[in-house]
């Protein structure tokens, strides 16, 4: 039986925590001058993957 390969792009984007899977918030990498300070502040930090998406992430990265 061959080994199951992880999706290498997804493996870099998601990390396992004690309470689920965390990911970086999108819309924070460029074109920041037109975004309000409040929006940029709220996009900081890591977020939890939604329950509806956990199955997709686990299929892409089975080692999580």
PDB file of N, CA and C in Angstrom:
ATOM      1  N   UNK A   1       0.847  -1.183   0.000  1.00  0.00           N
ATOM      2  CA  UNK A   1       0.000   0.000   0.000  1.00  0.00           C
ATOM      3  C   UNK A   1       0.893   1.247   0.000  1.00  0.00           C
ATOM      4  N   UNK A   2       0.675   2.185  -0.912  1.00  0.00           N
ATOM      5  CA  UNK A   2       1.471   3.414  -0.899  1.00  0.00           C
ATOM      6  C   UNK A   2       1.043   4.334   0.240  1.00  0.00           C
ATOM      7  N   UNK A   3       1.964   5.195   0.627  1.00  0.00           N
ATOM      8  CA  UNK A   3       1.667   6.160   1.675  1.00  0.00           C
ATOM      9  C   UNK A   3       0.712   7.227   1.144  1.00  0.00           C
ATOM     10  N   UNK A   4      -0.088   7.800   2.035  1.00  0.00           N
ATOM     11  CA  UNK A   4      -0.982   8.895   1.663  1.00  0.00           C
ATOM     12  C   UNK A   4      -0.179  10.184   1.715  1.00  0.00           C
ATOM     13  N   UNK A   5      -0.173  10.936   0.617  1.00  0.00           N
ATOM     14  CA  UNK A   5       0.571  12.194   0.575  1.00  0.00           C
ATOM     15  C   UNK A   5      -0.308  13.343   1.057  1.00  0.00           C
ATOM     16  N   UNK A   6       0.315  14.221   1.823  1.00  0.00           N
ATOM     17  CA  UNK A   6      -0.366  15.449   2.238  1.00  0.00           C
ATOM     18  C   UNK A   6      -0.296  16.459   1.104  1.00  0.00           C
ATOM     19  N   UNK A   7      -1.279  17.331   1.027  1.00  0.00           N
ATOM     20  CA  UNK A   7      -1.224  18.461   0.110  1.00  0.00           C
ATOM     21  C   UNK A   7      -0.225  19.441   0.706  1.00  0.00           C
ATOM     22  N   UNK A   8       0.907  19.648   0.030  1.00  0.00           N
ATOM     23  CA  UNK A   8       1.997  20.426   0.625  1.00  0.00           C
ATOM     24  C   UNK A   8       1.605  21.877   0.857  1.00  0.00           C
ATOM     25  N   UNK A   9       0.763  22.451  -0.012  1.00  0.00           N
ATOM     26  CA  UNK A   9       0.303  23.823   0.193  1.00  0.00           C
ATOM     27  C   UNK A   9      -0.564  23.937   1.431  1.00  0.00           C
ATOM     28  N   UNK A  10      -1.443  22.967   1.644  1.00  0.00           N
ATOM     29  CA  UNK A  10      -2.320  22.986   2.818  1.00  0.00           C
ATOM     30  C   UNK A  10      -1.527  22.718   4.093  1.00  0.00           C
ATOM     31  N   UNK A  11      -0.508  21.875   4.000  1.00  0.00           N
ATOM     32  CA  UNK A  11       0.298  21.556   5.179  1.00  0.00           C
ATOM     33  C   UNK A  11       1.006  22.795   5.721  1.00  0.00           C
ATOM     34  N   UNK A  12       1.351  23.726   4.845  1.00  0.00           N
ATOM     35  CA  UNK A  12       2.009  24.955   5.266  1.00  0.00           C
ATOM     36  C   UNK A  12       1.019  25.962   5.859  1.00  0.00           C
ATOM     37  N   UNK A  13      -0.253  25.837   5.531  1.00  0.00           N
ATOM     38  CA  UNK A  13      -1.238  26.845   5.923  1.00  0.00           C
ATOM     39  C   UNK A  13      -2.009  26.515   7.198  1.00  0.00           C
ATOM     40  N   UNK A  14      -2.051  25.250   7.589  1.00  0.00           N
ATOM     41  CA  UNK A  14      -2.859  24.841   8.735  1.00  0.00           C
ATOM     42  C   UNK A  14      -1.992  24.191   9.796  1.00  0.00           C
ATOM     43  N   UNK A  15      -2.323  24.463  11.078  1.00  0.00           N
ATOM     44  CA  UNK A  15      -1.616  23.855  12.207  1.00  0.00           C
ATOM     45  C   UNK A  15      -2.657  23.310  13.179  1.00  0.00           C
ATOM     46  N   UNK A  16      -2.330  22.195  13.807  1.00  0.00           N
ATOM     47  CA  UNK A  16      -3.237  21.583  14.771  1.00  0.00           C
ATOM     48  C   UNK A  16      -3.046  22.236  16.141  1.00  0.00           C
ATOM     49  N   UNK A  17      -4.141  22.466  16.838  1.00  0.00           N
ATOM     50  CA  UNK A  17      -4.099  22.970  18.206  1.00  0.00           C
ATOM     51  C   UNK A  17      -4.870  21.993  19.086  1.00  0.00           C
ATOM     52  N   UNK A  18      -4.911  22.276  20.371  1.00  0.00           N
ATOM     53  CA  UNK A  18      -5.638  21.405  21.297  1.00  0.00           C
ATOM     54  C   UNK A  18      -7.143  21.431  21.031  1.00  0.00           C
ATOM     55  N   UNK A  19      -7.641  22.536  20.467  1.00  0.00           N
ATOM     56  CA  UNK A  19      -9.087  22.690  20.284  1.00  0.00           C
ATOM     57  C   UNK A  19      -9.526  22.663  18.829  1.00  0.00           C
ATOM     58  N   UNK A  20      -8.625  22.389  17.894  1.00  0.00           N
ATOM     59  CA  UNK A  20      -9.022  22.340  16.492  1.00  0.00           C
ATOM     60  C   UNK A  20      -7.857  22.619  15.574  1.00  0.00           C
ATOM     61  N   UNK A  21      -8.128  23.333  14.493  1.00  0.00           N
ATOM     62  CA  UNK A  21      -7.124  23.644  13.481  1.00  0.00           C
ATOM     63  C   UNK A  21      -7.111  25.148  13.291  1.00  0.00           C
ATOM     64  N   UNK A  22      -5.921  25.745  13.300  1.00  0.00           N
ATOM     65  CA  UNK A  22      -5.815  27.188  13.134  1.00  0.00           C
ATOM     66  C   UNK A  22      -5.255  27.524  11.760  1.00  0.00           C
ATOM     67  N   UNK A  23      -5.580  28.735  11.287  1.00  0.00           N
ATOM     68  CA  UNK A  23      -5.101  29.217   9.998  1.00  0.00           C
ATOM     69  C   UNK A  23      -4.957  30.730  10.054  1.00  0.00           C
ATOM     70  N   UNK A  24      -4.160  31.261   9.152  1.00  0.00           N
ATOM     71  CA  UNK A  24      -3.977  32.710   9.076  1.00  0.00           C
ATOM     72  C   UNK A  24      -5.175  33.326   8.363  1.00  0.00           C
ATOM     73  N   UNK A  25      -5.596  34.475   8.841  1.00  0.00           N
ATOM     74  CA  UNK A  25      -6.718  35.178   8.228  1.00  0.00           C
ATOM     75  C   UNK A  25      -6.320  35.714   6.854  1.00  0.00           C
ATOM     76  N   UNK A  26      -7.223  35.648   5.894  1.00  0.00           N
ATOM     77  CA  UNK A  26      -6.930  36.131   4.545  1.00  0.00           C
ATOM     78  C   UNK A  26      -7.139  37.647   4.437  1.00  0.00           C
ATOM     79  N   UNK A  27      -6.794  38.224   3.302  1.00  0.00           N
ATOM     80  CA  UNK A  27      -6.933  39.651   2.985  1.00  0.00           C
ATOM     81  C   UNK A  27      -6.017  40.537   3.828  1.00  0.00           C
ATOM     82  N   UNK A  28      -4.838  40.030   4.212  1.00  0.00           N
ATOM     83  CA  UNK A  28      -3.947  40.794   5.075  1.00  0.00           C
ATOM     84  C   UNK A  28      -2.539  40.893   4.494  1.00  0.00           C
ATOM     85  N   UNK A  29      -2.327  40.424   3.270  1.00  0.00           N
ATOM     86  CA  UNK A  29      -0.959  40.344   2.755  1.00  0.00           C
ATOM     87  C   UNK A  29      -0.526  41.555   1.932  1.00  0.00           C
ATOM     88  N   UNK A  30      -1.427  42.185   1.206  1.00  0.00           N
ATOM     89  CA  UNK A  30      -1.045  43.346   0.396  1.00  0.00           C
ATOM     90  C   UNK A  30      -2.266  44.215   0.146  1.00  0.00           C
ATOM     91  N   UNK A  31      -2.045  45.353  -0.497  1.00  0.00           N
ATOM     92  CA  UNK A  31      -3.087  46.380  -0.733  1.00  0.00           C
ATOM     93  C   UNK A  31      -3.728  46.778   0.600  1.00  0.00           C
ATOM     94  N   UNK A  32      -2.875  47.165   1.553  1.00  0.00           N
ATOM     95  CA  UNK A  32      -3.363  47.495   2.893  1.00  0.00           C
ATOM     96  C   UNK A  32      -3.664  48.977   3.062  1.00  0.00           C
ATOM     97  N   UNK A  33      -3.233  49.817   2.110  1.00  0.00           N
ATOM     98  CA  UNK A  33      -3.408  51.256   2.281  1.00  0.00           C
ATOM     99  C   UNK A  33      -4.874  51.667   2.220  1.00  0.00           C
ATOM    100  N   UNK A  34      -5.665  50.971   1.432  1.00  0.00           N
ATOM    101  CA  UNK A  34      -7.082  51.357   1.304  1.00  0.00           C
ATOM    102  C   UNK A  34      -7.974  50.721   2.370  1.00  0.00           C
ATOM    103  N   UNK A  35      -7.437  49.814   3.170  1.00  0.00           N
ATOM    104  CA  UNK A  35      -8.239  49.160   4.193  1.00  0.00           C
ATOM    105  C   UNK A  35      -8.170  49.961   5.494  1.00  0.00           C
ATOM    106  N   UNK A  36      -9.298  50.117   6.183  1.00  0.00           N
ATOM    107  CA  UNK A  36      -9.294  50.863   7.439  1.00  0.00           C
ATOM    108  C   UNK A  36      -8.460  50.148   8.510  1.00  0.00           C
ATOM    109  N   UNK A  37      -7.954  50.930   9.438  1.00  0.00           N
ATOM    110  CA  UNK A  37      -7.133  50.389  10.516  1.00  0.00           C
ATOM    111  C   UNK A  37      -7.906  49.354  11.326  1.00  0.00           C
ATOM    112  N   UNK A  38      -9.187  49.592  11.539  1.00  0.00           N
ATOM    113  CA  UNK A  38     -10.012  48.659  12.310  1.00  0.00           C
ATOM    114  C   UNK A  38     -10.063  47.299  11.630  1.00  0.00           C
ATOM    115  N   UNK A  39     -10.227  47.303  10.311  1.00  0.00           N
ATOM    116  CA  UNK A  39     -10.306  46.042   9.566  1.00  0.00           C
ATOM    117  C   UNK A  39      -8.985  45.289   9.615  1.00  0.00           C
ATOM    118  N   UNK A  40      -7.878  46.014   9.447  1.00  0.00           N
ATOM    119  CA  UNK A  40      -6.557  45.374   9.494  1.00  0.00           C
ATOM    120  C   UNK A  40      -6.274  44.800  10.878  1.00  0.00           C
ATOM    121  N   UNK A  41      -6.688  45.528  11.909  1.00  0.00           N
ATOM    122  CA  UNK A  41      -6.484  45.056  13.286  1.00  0.00           C
ATOM    123  C   UNK A  41      -7.273  43.777  13.543  1.00  0.00           C
ATOM    124  N   UNK A  42      -8.500  43.725  13.020  1.00  0.00           N
ATOM    125  CA  UNK A  42      -9.335  42.544  13.235  1.00  0.00           C
ATOM    126  C   UNK A  42      -8.862  41.341  12.417  1.00  0.00           C
ATOM    127  N   UNK A  43      -8.078  41.574  11.373  1.00  0.00           N
ATOM    128  CA  UNK A  43      -7.558  40.476  10.559  1.00  0.00           C
ATOM    129  C   UNK A  43      -6.261  39.901  11.115  1.00  0.00           C
ATOM    130  N   UNK A  44      -5.717  40.506  12.166  1.00  0.00           N
ATOM    131  CA  UNK A  44      -4.487  40.007  12.779  1.00  0.00           C
ATOM    132  C   UNK A  44      -4.722  38.664  13.458  1.00  0.00           C
ATOM    133  N   UNK A  45      -3.650  37.939  13.660  1.00  0.00           N
ATOM    134  CA  UNK A  45      -3.723  36.731  14.463  1.00  0.00           C
ATOM    135  C   UNK A  45      -4.266  35.538  13.706  1.00  0.00           C
ATOM    136  N   UNK A  46      -4.359  34.431  14.405  1.00  0.00           N
ATOM    137  CA  UNK A  46      -4.802  33.180  13.814  1.00  0.00           C
ATOM    138  C   UNK A  46      -6.277  32.946  14.155  1.00  0.00           C
ATOM    139  N   UNK A  47      -6.972  32.277  13.259  1.00  0.00           N
ATOM    140  CA  UNK A  47      -8.380  31.954  13.463  1.00  0.00           C
ATOM    141  C   UNK A  47      -8.547  30.440  13.446  1.00  0.00           C
ATOM    142  N   UNK A  48      -9.666  29.966  13.997  1.00  0.00           N
ATOM    143  CA  UNK A  48      -9.982  28.544  13.978  1.00  0.00           C
ATOM    144  C   UNK A  48     -10.705  28.206  12.678  1.00  0.00           C
ATOM    145  N   UNK A  49     -10.409  27.036  12.126  1.00  0.00           N
ATOM    146  CA  UNK A  49     -11.114  26.556  10.939  1.00  0.00           C
ATOM    147  C   UNK A  49     -12.542  26.217  11.348  1.00  0.00           C
ATOM    148  N   UNK A  50     -13.500  26.609  10.538  1.00  0.00           N
ATOM    149  CA  UNK A  50     -14.908  26.368  10.820  1.00  0.00           C
ATOM    150  C   UNK A  50     -15.193  24.866  10.787  1.00  0.00           C
ATOM    151  N   UNK A  51     -16.167  24.435  11.580  1.00  0.00           N
ATOM    152  CA  UNK A  51     -16.503  23.012  11.668  1.00  0.00           C
ATOM    153  C   UNK A  51     -16.860  22.412  10.309  1.00  0.00           C
ATOM    154  N   UNK A  52     -17.516  23.197   9.452  1.00  0.00           N
ATOM    155  CA  UNK A  52     -17.917  22.700   8.136  1.00  0.00           C
ATOM    156  C   UNK A  52     -16.713  22.431   7.235  1.00  0.00           C
ATOM    157  N   UNK A  53     -15.567  23.068   7.519  1.00  0.00           N
ATOM    158  CA  UNK A  53     -14.382  22.912   6.675  1.00  0.00           C
ATOM    159  C   UNK A  53     -13.343  21.953   7.244  1.00  0.00           C
ATOM    160  N   UNK A  54     -13.537  21.481   8.455  1.00  0.00           N
ATOM    161  CA  UNK A  54     -12.531  20.620   9.085  1.00  0.00           C
ATOM    162  C   UNK A  54     -12.313  19.327   8.308  1.00  0.00           C
ATOM    163  N   UNK A  55     -13.370  18.751   7.768  1.00  0.00           N
ATOM    164  CA  UNK A  55     -13.235  17.498   7.015  1.00  0.00           C
ATOM    165  C   UNK A  55     -12.380  17.708   5.766  1.00  0.00           C
ATOM    166  N   UNK A  56     -12.553  18.836   5.090  1.00  0.00           N
ATOM    167  CA  UNK A  56     -11.749  19.133   3.896  1.00  0.00           C
ATOM    168  C   UNK A  56     -10.279  19.280   4.246  1.00  0.00           C
ATOM    169  N   UNK A  57      -9.991  19.972   5.347  1.00  0.00           N
ATOM    170  CA  UNK A  57      -8.599  20.185   5.757  1.00  0.00           C
ATOM    171  C   UNK A  57      -7.968  18.861   6.154  1.00  0.00           C
ATOM    172  N   UNK A  58      -8.708  18.032   6.878  1.00  0.00           N
ATOM    173  CA  UNK A  58      -8.164  16.735   7.310  1.00  0.00           C
ATOM    174  C   UNK A  58      -7.907  15.820   6.123  1.00  0.00           C
ATOM    175  N   UNK A  59      -8.723  15.937   5.062  1.00  0.00           N
ATOM    176  CA  UNK A  59      -8.496  15.121   3.873  1.00  0.00           C
ATOM    177  C   UNK A  59      -7.236  15.572   3.138  1.00  0.00           C
ATOM    178  N   UNK A  60      -6.985  16.897   3.123  1.00  0.00           N
ATOM    179  CA  UNK A  60      -5.783  17.407   2.465  1.00  0.00           C
ATOM    180  C   UNK A  60      -4.521  17.136   3.264  1.00  0.00           C
ATOM    181  N   UNK A  61      -4.661  17.173   4.610  1.00  0.00           N
ATOM    182  CA  UNK A  61      -3.500  16.975   5.481  1.00  0.00           C
ATOM    183  C   UNK A  61      -3.859  15.882   6.484  1.00  0.00           C
ATOM    184  N   UNK A  62      -3.728  14.615   6.112  1.00  0.00           N
ATOM    185  CA  UNK A  62      -4.177  13.530   6.994  1.00  0.00           C
ATOM    186  C   UNK A  62      -3.383  13.423   8.300  1.00  0.00           C
ATOM    187  N   UNK A  63      -2.171  13.986   8.342  1.00  0.00           N
ATOM    188  CA  UNK A  63      -1.353  13.883   9.545  1.00  0.00           C
ATOM    189  C   UNK A  63      -1.751  14.871  10.630  1.00  0.00           C
ATOM    190  N   UNK A  64      -2.723  15.766  10.351  1.00  0.00           N
ATOM    191  CA  UNK A  64      -3.178  16.726  11.367  1.00  0.00           C
ATOM    192  C   UNK A  64      -4.015  16.030  12.415  1.00  0.00           C
TER     193      UNK A  64
END
